[in-house]
Structures are given as C-alpha cells and as structure tokens.
Protein backbone atom coordinates (compact mmCIF):
# COMPACT_ATOMS: atom_id res chain seq x y z
CA MET A 1 0.00 -0.09 -0.01
CA HIS A 2 1.08 3.37 -1.05
CA LEU A 3 1.14 6.34 1.37
CA TYR A 4 -1.06 8.70 -0.70
CA GLU A 5 -3.14 6.22 -2.43
CA ARG A 6 -6.98 6.91 -1.92
CA PRO A 7 -8.98 4.22 -0.64
CA ARG A 8 -11.54 2.50 -3.01
CA GLY A 9 -15.09 3.89 -3.28
CA GLN A 10 -14.35 7.05 -1.58
CA TYR A 11 -16.24 9.27 -4.05
CA ARG A 12 -19.02 6.54 -4.23
CA GLY A 13 -21.39 8.62 -2.08
CA LEU A 14 -20.62 11.79 -3.65
CA LEU A 15 -21.39 10.38 -7.28
CA SER A 16 -24.76 8.80 -5.85
CA ALA A 17 -25.73 12.27 -4.19
CA ALA A 18 -24.85 14.17 -7.69
CA PHE A 19 -26.92 11.63 -9.64
CA VAL A 20 -29.94 11.97 -7.36
CA PHE A 21 -29.62 15.67 -7.35
CA ALA A 22 -29.41 15.46 -11.34
CA LEU A 23 -32.41 13.15 -11.40
CA LEU A 24 -34.44 15.42 -9.37
CA ALA A 25 -33.52 18.73 -11.38
CA VAL A 26 -34.75 16.86 -14.65
CA VAL A 27 -37.96 15.95 -12.89
CA PHE A 28 -38.56 19.40 -11.52
CA LEU A 29 -38.01 21.02 -15.19
CA ILE A 30 -40.19 18.35 -16.79
CA ALA A 31 -43.11 19.40 -14.29
CA LEU A 32 -42.20 23.03 -14.75
CA VAL A 33 -42.80 22.83 -18.36
CA SER A 34 -45.96 20.65 -18.11
CA THR A 35 -47.59 23.19 -15.82
CA GLN A 36 -46.73 26.19 -17.98
CA GLN A 37 -48.32 24.27 -21.08
CA ARG A 38 -51.47 23.32 -18.91
CA SER A 39 -51.60 27.30 -18.00
CA ALA A 40 -51.26 28.49 -21.51
CA GLU A 41 -54.29 26.03 -22.65
CA ARG A 42 -56.34 27.42 -19.64
CA GLU A 43 -55.83 30.82 -20.61
CA THR A 44 -56.93 30.12 -24.25
CA GLU A 45 -59.98 28.54 -22.94
CA MET A 46 -60.72 31.50 -20.78
CA VAL A 47 -60.30 33.82 -23.60
CA SER A 48 -62.78 31.79 -25.77
CA ALA A 49 -65.31 31.48 -22.71
CA ALA A 50 -65.16 35.33 -22.29
CA ILE A 51 -65.85 36.06 -25.99
CA SER A 52 -68.71 33.09 -26.03
CA ARG A 53 -70.25 34.84 -22.82
CA GLY A 54 -69.99 38.30 -24.50
CA ILE A 55 -71.95 36.93 -27.62
CA VAL A 56 -74.79 35.39 -25.56
CA THR A 57 -74.96 38.65 -23.44
CA CYS A 58 -75.42 40.61 -26.72
CA TYR A 59 -78.12 38.20 -27.96
CA ALA A 60 -79.95 38.34 -24.69
CA VAL A 61 -79.72 42.38 -24.55
CA GLU A 62 -80.27 43.17 -28.26
CA GLY A 63 -81.92 39.96 -29.70
CA LYS A 64 -79.25 39.58 -32.32
CA TYR A 65 -76.06 38.13 -32.44
CA PRO A 66 -73.09 40.48 -32.69
CA PRO A 67 -72.22 41.25 -36.37
CA SER A 68 -68.32 41.18 -35.76
CA LEU A 69 -65.72 40.76 -33.07
CA SER A 70 -65.02 44.66 -33.07
CA TYR A 71 -68.79 45.05 -32.22
CA LEU A 72 -68.32 42.90 -29.17
CA TYR A 73 -65.07 44.65 -28.15
CA ASP A 74 -66.58 48.28 -28.50
CA ASN A 75 -69.97 47.50 -26.86
CA TYR A 76 -69.46 44.75 -24.15
CA GLY A 77 -66.11 45.28 -22.82
CA ILE A 78 -64.39 42.37 -24.33
CA SER A 79 -60.50 42.64 -24.73
CA VAL A 80 -57.98 40.18 -26.03
CA ASP A 81 -54.34 40.50 -26.41
CA GLU A 82 -53.90 40.24 -30.16
CA SER A 83 -50.46 39.79 -29.75
CA ARG A 84 -51.00 36.48 -27.99
CA TYR A 85 -54.20 35.23 -29.45
CA ALA A 86 -55.78 34.91 -33.01
CA VAL A 87 -59.67 35.03 -32.79
CA PHE A 88 -61.41 33.71 -35.66
CA TYR A 89 -65.05 34.80 -35.64
CA ASP A 90 -67.34 33.47 -38.37
CA VAL A 91 -71.01 34.75 -38.67
CA ILE A 92 -72.94 32.14 -40.63
CA ALA A 93 -76.27 33.87 -40.39
CA ALA A 94 -77.88 36.89 -38.21
CA ASN A 95 -80.23 34.18 -36.22
CA LEU A 96 -77.59 31.40 -35.65
CA MET A 97 -74.76 31.76 -32.99
CA PRO A 98 -71.32 32.62 -34.67
CA SER A 99 -68.30 30.23 -34.60
CA VAL A 100 -65.63 31.47 -32.56
CA GLN A 101 -62.13 29.74 -32.41
CA VAL A 102 -59.10 31.17 -30.11
CA THR A 103 -55.63 29.99 -30.92
CA ARG A 104 -52.52 31.02 -29.20
CA ILE A 105 -50.13 32.58 -31.25
CA GLY A 106 -46.43 30.96 -31.48
CA GLY A 107 -45.11 29.98 -28.22
CA GLY A 108 -46.37 33.29 -26.51
CA SER A 109 -44.19 35.03 -24.03
C-alpha cells in the first residue's frame, strides 16, 4: 500500500448524491414545463369562454348576435391581447350563433 493512495469507493457517496440531484432537477424541469403548457391552454380556454359569454349577452340584450368581433370589443367590454391570441369569428347567419375559435400565437411570452 502506498502512503498517498486513495481508498476505493471514496467518491461513491458523492457520485450517488450528484446523480440523485441531477435526476430530481430533470423531474422538476419536466413538471415546470408541463405546468406552463397547462396554464397556456387554460388561458386560451378562458379567452374563448369570455368571447362566448359576450356573444350570449349581446343576444340576450339586443335580440341578435354581434355582427363582428369588433362590435363585441366596443360594446361589451371584451378585450383580447391580439399579440398572443388569434380569434377567428365566423358569422353564419344573423339568427345563428357565430363560430368562435381562439388560437394561441406562436409560443407566447
């Protein structure tokens, strides 16, 4: 045996701890990304629901569906961040509820 020779397995505990730490960090990052995606989906659903409520309110108050999305914005206090969401508003007929589709633009930030 040499005087300055390291005993075998000296770093085994340190390597195990580093591996466990790295594994926990990866699991945390995956959970964080998943939470952000669910949050973005929920925001899109809330925007769509707000527009739908505005359409129904307009019909209840005026007896007709709003002719355009800008009419909802101007008269019913609906606001949408157009840099984050694209809203497709399709009027089929005056007596049928318009089709509304809200899509998140890009990755959003």
